[in-house]
Amino acid sequence: MKHVLVTNDFPPKIGGIQSLLWEWWRRLPPESFAVLTTPHAGAADFDATQSYRIERTREPVLLPHPWMVSRVNTLASEFGADFVVLDPALPLGLIGSALRLPYMVVLHGAEVTVPGRLPLSRQVLGRVLRGARHVIAAGGYPAREGEHAAGRALPVTVVPPGVDTDRFVPLDAGARGAARRKFGIADDAEVVLGVSRLVPRKGFDTVIRAAAILAPHRPRLRVVIGSTGRDEPRLRALARTTGAPVDFLGRIAHDDLPGLYGCADVFAMMCRNRWGGLEQEGFGIVFVEAASCGVPQIAGDSGGSAEAVEDGVTGQVMGDPNDASALAARLASLLDDDARRAAMGRAARSRAVAEFDYGVLAARLGATLGV
């Protein structure tokens, strides 16, 4: 079967959803789908390197207007598509009922959390989901949120965010030492790594406070944060006032990211719910990337993070992501137990390969799409 993917989020635009969609769809048979998306700087060069059809609109954003219905219907007819995939469910899913072909929708998390909790938008979202032939959910959390909004069970396939396990690999001692030197990290440092956009929901303030508690007794401890974001000034100020040993590396280049993970002894991100649950962690791809590199993770329990981290096996999930003392105790326990940390790292790598490798996930997606 053939289909058209309609989305605002596709490379070369940079972002988590953009990367996720590309990693999923680029592994499907190129003759089985076409992509309708928005213009972006560098799009012509990117499109020329892809083996499947990409159509870009003149409009910078795809919105549920009548012209959008016409554009999708025309491309689907030209391509000989059997159905259309709309990403995300809102707002693009609103055109679903007006299309000539059946439609599927993609749920990532954030676009269902708020609409799913507000009465009017929940009704709209529920109508879109009930009308869909199938729902592709990027994790159990968005699947549950979607069914809550729809008020019934839905035909859902869960395809979580994944990882390229050939690229994100554990480092041997030599490669680890070289990576640490590249990032200015001492060979004997105890490294707690955090990688994600610096916003309050990610909970790096809890990590910094935990490091401040541990620092007087662990002179080799370093918290390494690789990213930028609007919360960075506050986090830097917190590190200064608490005396926590924190290195802010800024934005990490794409090719350098696996090496940075390989520098870590533990990965920690205390993601948390905000605004009464209206803001949650959709999944947490960074946990899976760390896992693929053989690094145990400590996560705050928010949204889908407990799916990404298998508590007690590949890492730990904290019920209270704001409890810096509890996090300090867990970090100390892992850093003091080399054997346990190594066992978690091995389990994390094995699970990443078996459950989150993009090849495995693309096969699941392909079966759902009939390709």
Protein backbone atom coordinates (compact mmCIF):
# COMPACT_ATOMS: atom_id res chain seq x y z
CA MET A 1 0.00 0.00 0.00
CA LYS A 2 1.06 3.59 -0.64
CA HIS A 3 0.50 6.70 1.46
CA VAL A 4 1.29 10.40 1.81
CA LEU A 5 2.83 11.72 5.04
CA VAL A 6 1.64 15.28 5.75
CA THR A 7 3.65 17.13 8.39
CA ASN A 8 5.04 20.49 9.46
CA ASP A 9 8.03 18.75 11.00
CA PHE A 10 10.55 17.28 8.61
CA PRO A 11 14.27 17.80 7.96
CA PRO A 12 16.26 19.83 7.32
CA LYS A 13 14.28 21.59 10.04
CA ILE A 14 15.98 20.64 13.31
CA GLY A 15 14.12 19.15 16.25
CA GLY A 16 13.15 15.96 18.02
CA ILE A 17 9.97 15.28 16.05
CA GLN A 18 11.68 16.13 12.76
CA SER A 19 14.46 13.67 13.50
CA LEU A 20 12.02 11.02 14.68
CA LEU A 21 9.86 11.15 11.56
CA TRP A 22 12.90 11.05 9.31
CA GLU A 23 14.42 8.08 11.13
CA TRP A 24 11.13 6.20 10.92
CA TRP A 25 10.20 6.95 7.31
CA ARG A 26 13.63 6.83 5.66
CA ARG A 27 13.79 3.13 6.48
CA LEU A 28 10.55 2.36 4.63
CA PRO A 29 10.50 1.37 0.94
CA PRO A 30 10.92 4.71 -0.87
CA GLU A 31 8.29 3.91 -3.47
CA SER A 32 5.66 3.34 -0.76
CA PHE A 33 5.24 6.96 0.38
CA ALA A 34 5.54 10.63 -0.45
CA VAL A 35 6.00 13.53 1.97
CA LEU A 36 4.15 16.85 1.94
CA THR A 37 5.84 19.38 4.20
CA THR A 38 6.91 23.00 4.56
CA PRO A 39 9.77 25.00 3.04
CA HIS A 40 12.99 25.44 4.99
CA ALA A 41 16.51 26.72 4.44
CA GLY A 42 18.58 24.00 2.81
CA ALA A 43 15.52 21.98 1.79
CA ALA A 44 16.51 21.66 -1.87
CA ASP A 45 19.87 20.14 -0.99
CA PHE A 46 18.32 17.83 1.58
CA ASP A 47 15.52 16.69 -0.71
CA ALA A 48 18.01 15.88 -3.47
CA THR A 49 19.70 13.33 -1.20
CA GLN A 50 16.51 11.43 -0.38
CA SER A 51 15.24 8.48 -2.39
CA TYR A 52 11.53 9.22 -1.91
CA ARG A 53 9.28 12.00 -3.16
CA ILE A 54 9.12 15.22 -1.11
CA GLU A 55 6.73 18.05 -1.98
CA ARG A 56 7.04 21.39 -0.20
CA THR A 57 4.37 24.06 0.02
CA ARG A 58 4.95 27.78 -0.38
CA GLU A 59 3.24 28.41 2.94
CA PRO A 60 5.57 28.27 5.99
CA VAL A 61 3.03 26.36 8.10
CA LEU A 62 0.51 23.69 7.14
CA LEU A 63 -2.85 24.62 8.63
CA PRO A 64 -6.27 22.95 8.34
CA HIS A 65 -7.58 25.23 5.58
CA PRO A 66 -9.65 24.17 2.55
CA TRP A 67 -6.61 24.74 0.30
CA MET A 68 -4.76 22.20 2.42
CA VAL A 69 -7.45 19.61 1.81
CA SER A 70 -7.19 20.25 -1.92
CA ARG A 71 -3.40 20.05 -1.88
CA VAL A 72 -3.37 16.75 -0.01
CA ASN A 73 -6.08 15.25 -2.20
CA THR A 74 -4.20 16.27 -5.36
CA LEU A 75 -0.87 14.83 -4.24
CA ALA A 76 -2.50 11.64 -2.98
CA SER A 77 -4.22 11.19 -6.34
CA GLU A 78 -1.05 11.89 -8.34
CA PHE A 79 0.95 9.48 -6.21
CA GLY A 80 -1.68 6.76 -6.21
CA ALA A 81 -1.91 6.73 -2.43
CA ASP A 82 -4.28 4.45 -0.56
CA PHE A 83 -4.42 6.62 2.57
CA VAL A 84 -2.90 9.70 4.23
CA VAL A 85 -0.87 10.01 7.46
CA LEU A 86 -1.40 13.33 9.28
CA ASP A 87 1.21 14.52 11.75
CA PRO A 88 0.35 15.70 14.34
CA ALA A 89 -3.23 14.88 15.23
CA LEU A 90 -3.86 18.56 15.98
CA PRO A 91 -4.18 20.77 14.12
CA LEU A 92 -3.55 18.86 10.87
CA GLY A 93 -5.86 16.04 11.85
CA LEU A 94 -8.77 18.45 11.44
CA ILE A 95 -8.63 17.98 7.67
CA GLY A 96 -8.97 14.22 7.97
CA SER A 97 -12.73 14.01 7.58
CA ALA A 98 -12.62 16.19 4.44
CA LEU A 99 -10.07 14.04 2.60
CA ARG A 100 -11.07 11.63 -0.15
CA LEU A 101 -8.96 8.88 1.39
CA PRO A 102 -8.86 7.30 4.85
CA TYR A 103 -6.38 8.86 7.24
CA MET A 104 -4.09 7.88 10.09
CA VAL A 105 -2.64 10.26 12.68
CA VAL A 106 0.59 10.42 14.66
CA LEU A 107 0.56 11.23 18.39
CA HIS A 108 3.77 12.43 20.03
CA GLY A 109 2.58 13.51 23.47
CA ALA A 110 2.64 17.28 23.90
CA GLU A 111 -0.04 17.86 21.27
CA VAL A 112 -2.47 15.60 23.15
CA THR A 113 -1.64 16.45 26.77
CA VAL A 114 -3.14 19.95 26.88
CA PRO A 115 -5.98 19.40 24.35
CA GLY A 116 -6.82 16.13 26.07
CA ARG A 117 -7.45 17.92 29.37
CA LEU A 118 -9.45 20.94 28.20
CA PRO A 119 -13.13 20.18 27.49
CA LEU A 120 -13.58 21.87 24.10
CA SER A 121 -10.25 20.83 22.60
CA ARG A 122 -10.71 17.32 24.01
CA GLN A 123 -13.92 17.03 22.02
CA VAL A 124 -12.14 18.16 18.84
CA LEU A 125 -9.20 15.83 19.41
CA GLY A 126 -11.51 12.95 20.23
CA ARG A 127 -13.42 13.45 16.99
CA VAL A 128 -10.17 13.43 14.97
CA LEU A 129 -8.95 10.26 16.68
CA ARG A 130 -12.25 8.41 16.38
CA GLY A 131 -12.31 9.17 12.65
CA ALA A 132 -8.82 7.85 12.03
CA ARG A 133 -8.26 4.47 10.45
CA HIS A 134 -5.29 3.96 12.78
CA VAL A 135 -3.24 5.87 15.35
CA ILE A 136 0.56 5.74 15.46
CA ALA A 137 1.62 6.69 18.99
CA ALA A 138 5.19 7.59 19.91
CA GLY A 139 4.92 5.71 23.19
CA GLY A 140 2.35 4.29 25.56
CA TYR A 141 1.85 7.66 27.23
CA PRO A 142 0.48 9.47 24.14
CA ALA A 143 -1.54 6.36 23.29
CA ARG A 144 -3.23 6.49 26.70
CA GLU A 145 -3.78 10.25 26.43
CA GLY A 146 -5.33 9.77 23.01
CA GLU A 147 -7.74 7.10 24.20
CA HIS A 148 -8.68 9.29 27.14
CA ALA A 149 -9.57 12.10 24.73
CA ALA A 150 -11.44 9.75 22.40
CA GLY A 151 -13.39 8.19 25.24
CA ARG A 152 -12.80 4.70 23.94
CA ALA A 153 -10.15 2.23 22.85
CA LEU A 154 -8.47 3.13 19.57
CA PRO A 155 -6.70 1.10 16.88
CA VAL A 156 -3.20 2.03 18.05
CA THR A 157 0.31 0.94 17.21
CA VAL A 158 2.95 2.16 19.65
CA VAL A 159 6.20 3.06 17.90
CA PRO A 160 8.40 4.83 20.46
CA PRO A 161 11.26 7.16 19.64
CA GLY A 162 14.31 5.10 18.86
CA VAL A 163 18.04 5.21 18.45
CA ASP A 164 20.62 4.27 15.85
CA THR A 165 22.38 1.56 17.84
CA ASP A 166 25.19 1.40 15.28
CA ARG A 167 25.99 5.04 15.97
CA PHE A 168 25.31 5.26 19.70
CA VAL A 169 27.62 2.57 21.07
CA PRO A 170 29.50 1.92 24.33
CA LEU A 171 33.09 3.16 24.29
CA ASP A 172 36.09 1.08 25.25
CA ALA A 173 38.65 2.54 27.66
CA GLY A 174 40.75 4.11 24.93
CA ALA A 175 37.85 5.75 23.12
CA ARG A 176 36.35 6.92 26.40
CA GLY A 177 39.61 8.58 27.40
CA ALA A 178 39.88 10.30 24.03
CA ALA A 179 36.28 11.52 24.26
CA ARG A 180 36.85 12.91 27.74
CA ARG A 181 39.93 14.78 26.61
CA LYS A 182 37.97 16.25 23.70
CA PHE A 183 35.34 17.65 26.08
CA GLY A 184 37.86 18.72 28.72
CA ILE A 185 36.81 16.08 31.25
CA ALA A 186 39.40 14.50 33.53
CA ASP A 187 40.03 10.78 33.12
CA ASP A 188 39.21 10.08 36.78
CA ALA A 189 36.14 12.32 37.00
CA GLU A 190 32.81 10.92 38.16
CA VAL A 191 30.58 12.22 35.39
CA VAL A 192 26.84 12.75 35.70
CA LEU A 193 25.62 13.78 32.26
CA GLY A 194 22.52 15.66 31.19
CA VAL A 195 21.59 16.31 27.57
CA SER A 196 18.35 18.02 26.61
CA ARG A 197 16.86 21.41 25.94
CA LEU A 198 17.31 23.57 29.03
CA VAL A 199 13.76 24.30 30.13
CA PRO A 200 12.27 23.98 33.64
CA ARG A 201 10.41 20.76 32.80
CA LYS A 202 13.68 18.87 32.34
CA GLY A 203 14.59 19.26 36.03
CA PHE A 204 18.29 20.00 35.74
CA ASP A 205 17.98 22.25 38.77
CA THR A 206 17.39 19.12 40.86
CA VAL A 207 20.52 17.54 39.38
CA ILE A 208 22.54 20.65 40.25
CA ARG A 209 21.24 20.71 43.81
CA ALA A 210 22.03 17.02 44.21
CA ALA A 211 25.57 17.65 42.97
CA ALA A 212 25.97 20.45 45.50
CA ILE A 213 25.03 17.99 48.27
CA LEU A 214 27.56 15.42 47.05
CA ALA A 215 30.43 17.72 46.11
CA PRO A 216 32.02 18.14 49.57
CA HIS A 217 32.46 14.37 49.81
CA ARG A 218 33.18 13.62 46.14
CA PRO A 219 35.90 15.94 44.84
CA ARG A 220 36.01 14.15 41.46
CA LEU A 221 32.29 14.66 40.76
CA ARG A 222 31.34 16.65 37.65
CA VAL A 223 27.89 17.38 36.29
CA VAL A 224 28.19 17.89 32.54
CA ILE A 225 25.27 19.52 30.73
CA GLY A 226 25.29 19.49 26.95
CA SER A 227 22.63 21.79 25.55
CA THR A 228 21.22 25.30 25.64
CA GLY A 229 17.82 26.82 26.35
CA ARG A 230 15.89 29.53 28.10
CA ASP A 231 16.54 28.04 31.55
CA GLU A 232 20.32 28.25 31.17
CA PRO A 233 20.82 31.59 32.98
CA ARG A 234 18.86 30.34 35.99
CA LEU A 235 20.76 27.04 36.04
CA ARG A 236 24.13 28.78 35.79
CA ALA A 237 23.17 31.06 38.67
CA LEU A 238 22.06 28.07 40.72
CA ALA A 239 25.37 26.31 40.11
CA ARG A 240 27.27 29.40 41.23
CA THR A 241 25.26 29.98 44.39
CA THR A 242 25.33 26.33 45.48
CA GLY A 243 28.92 25.66 44.49
CA ALA A 244 27.88 22.63 42.46
CA PRO A 245 30.57 21.31 40.09
CA VAL A 246 28.78 21.89 36.78
CA ASP A 247 30.19 22.29 33.27
CA PHE A 248 27.86 23.82 30.68
CA LEU A 249 29.10 22.69 27.27
CA GLY A 250 26.48 24.45 25.16
CA ARG A 251 24.93 22.90 22.08
CA ILE A 252 26.62 19.65 21.08
CA ALA A 253 27.30 18.97 17.41
CA HIS A 254 25.39 16.04 15.93
CA ASP A 255 28.52 13.99 15.28
CA ASP A 256 29.88 14.59 18.80
CA LEU A 257 26.83 13.45 20.73
CA PRO A 258 27.58 9.70 20.95
CA GLY A 259 31.06 10.47 22.26
CA LEU A 260 29.66 12.75 24.94
CA TYR A 261 27.32 10.02 26.16
CA GLY A 262 30.31 7.70 26.28
CA CYS A 263 32.02 10.03 28.77
CA ALA A 264 29.30 9.53 31.36
CA ASP A 265 29.14 7.25 34.37
CA VAL A 266 25.45 8.05 34.91
CA PHE A 267 22.89 9.98 32.87
CA ALA A 268 20.38 12.02 34.88
CA MET A 269 17.38 14.14 33.90
CA MET A 270 14.72 14.86 36.50
CA CYS A 271 11.88 15.53 34.07
CA ARG A 272 8.71 16.51 35.88
CA ASN A 273 5.09 17.50 35.40
CA ARG A 274 4.23 21.18 35.41
CA TRP A 275 1.04 23.23 35.35
CA GLY A 276 -1.06 20.52 36.96
CA GLY A 277 0.07 17.90 34.47
CA LEU A 278 -0.52 20.02 31.37
CA GLU A 279 3.22 19.89 30.68
CA GLN A 280 4.88 16.47 30.83
CA GLU A 281 7.75 14.54 29.27
CA GLY A 282 6.46 12.83 26.15
CA PHE A 283 9.07 10.05 26.21
CA GLY A 284 12.68 11.14 26.63
CA ILE A 285 14.76 10.01 23.66
CA VAL A 286 17.92 11.06 25.51
CA PHE A 287 17.40 8.19 27.96
CA VAL A 288 17.40 5.70 25.10
CA GLU A 289 20.47 7.30 23.52
CA ALA A 290 22.31 7.00 26.83
CA ALA A 291 21.12 3.41 27.16
CA SER A 292 22.43 2.53 23.71
CA CYS A 293 25.82 3.84 24.84
CA GLY A 294 25.73 1.53 27.86
CA VAL A 295 25.13 4.30 30.41
CA PRO A 296 22.58 3.77 33.23
CA GLN A 297 19.99 6.51 33.62
CA ILE A 298 18.09 8.18 36.45
CA ALA A 299 14.82 9.78 35.35
CA GLY A 300 12.09 11.78 36.97
CA ASP A 301 8.70 10.12 36.62
CA SER A 302 6.87 12.25 34.08
CA GLY A 303 4.79 11.24 31.08
CA GLY A 304 6.58 8.51 29.17
CA SER A 305 9.94 8.58 30.95
CA ALA A 306 9.18 5.35 32.80
CA GLU A 307 8.83 3.65 29.41
CA ALA A 308 12.25 4.86 28.32
CA VAL A 309 13.95 3.80 31.58
CA GLU A 310 13.22 0.34 33.00
CA ASP A 311 13.30 1.00 36.72
CA GLY A 312 15.82 -1.16 38.55
CA VAL A 313 17.11 -2.74 35.34
CA THR A 314 18.50 -0.09 32.98
CA GLY A 315 18.39 2.69 35.55
CA GLN A 316 16.07 4.21 38.10
CA VAL A 317 12.86 6.26 37.97
CA MET A 318 12.25 8.74 40.79
CA GLY A 319 8.70 9.38 41.91
CA ASP A 320 9.58 12.86 43.18
CA PRO A 321 11.79 14.59 40.59
CA ASN A 322 12.20 17.61 42.88
CA ASP A 323 13.85 15.71 45.74
CA ALA A 324 17.52 16.63 45.42
CA SER A 325 18.50 14.70 48.56
CA ALA A 326 16.97 11.49 47.22
CA LEU A 327 18.69 12.00 43.88
CA ALA A 328 22.01 12.61 45.64
CA ALA A 329 21.60 9.31 47.49
CA ARG A 330 20.83 7.42 44.28
CA LEU A 331 23.75 8.97 42.44
CA ALA A 332 26.12 8.13 45.27
CA SER A 333 24.84 4.55 45.39
CA LEU A 334 25.45 4.04 41.68
CA LEU A 335 28.80 5.82 41.59
CA ASP A 336 30.02 3.72 44.54
CA ASP A 337 29.01 0.40 42.96
CA ASP A 338 30.99 -0.23 39.78
CA ALA A 339 29.55 -3.73 39.30
CA ARG A 340 25.95 -2.61 39.60
CA ARG A 341 26.53 0.35 37.32
CA ALA A 342 28.16 -1.87 34.71
CA ALA A 343 25.32 -4.41 34.90
CA MET A 344 22.75 -1.68 34.38
CA GLY A 345 24.78 -0.36 31.46
CA ARG A 346 24.84 -3.78 29.81
CA ALA A 347 21.10 -4.24 30.36
CA ALA A 348 20.47 -0.77 28.96
CA ARG A 349 22.45 -1.51 25.81
CA SER A 350 20.71 -4.86 25.29
CA ARG A 351 17.27 -3.31 25.68
CA ALA A 352 18.13 -0.46 23.33
CA VAL A 353 19.17 -2.92 20.62
CA ALA A 354 16.17 -5.21 21.11
CA GLU A 355 13.40 -2.64 21.60
CA PHE A 356 14.49 0.80 20.43
CA ASP A 357 16.73 0.29 17.42
CA TYR A 358 15.27 2.23 14.51
CA GLY A 359 15.43 -0.83 12.28
CA VAL A 360 13.16 -2.71 14.70
CA LEU A 361 10.79 0.23 15.00
CA ALA A 362 10.65 0.89 11.26
CA ALA A 363 9.63 -2.72 10.70
CA ARG A 364 6.76 -2.25 13.17
CA LEU A 365 5.74 0.99 11.49
CA GLY A 366 5.96 -0.62 8.06
CA ALA A 367 3.66 -3.45 9.12
CA THR A 368 1.11 -0.89 10.34
CA LEU A 369 1.35 1.05 7.08
CA GLY A 370 1.14 -2.10 4.97
CA VAL A 371 4.48 -1.63 3.21
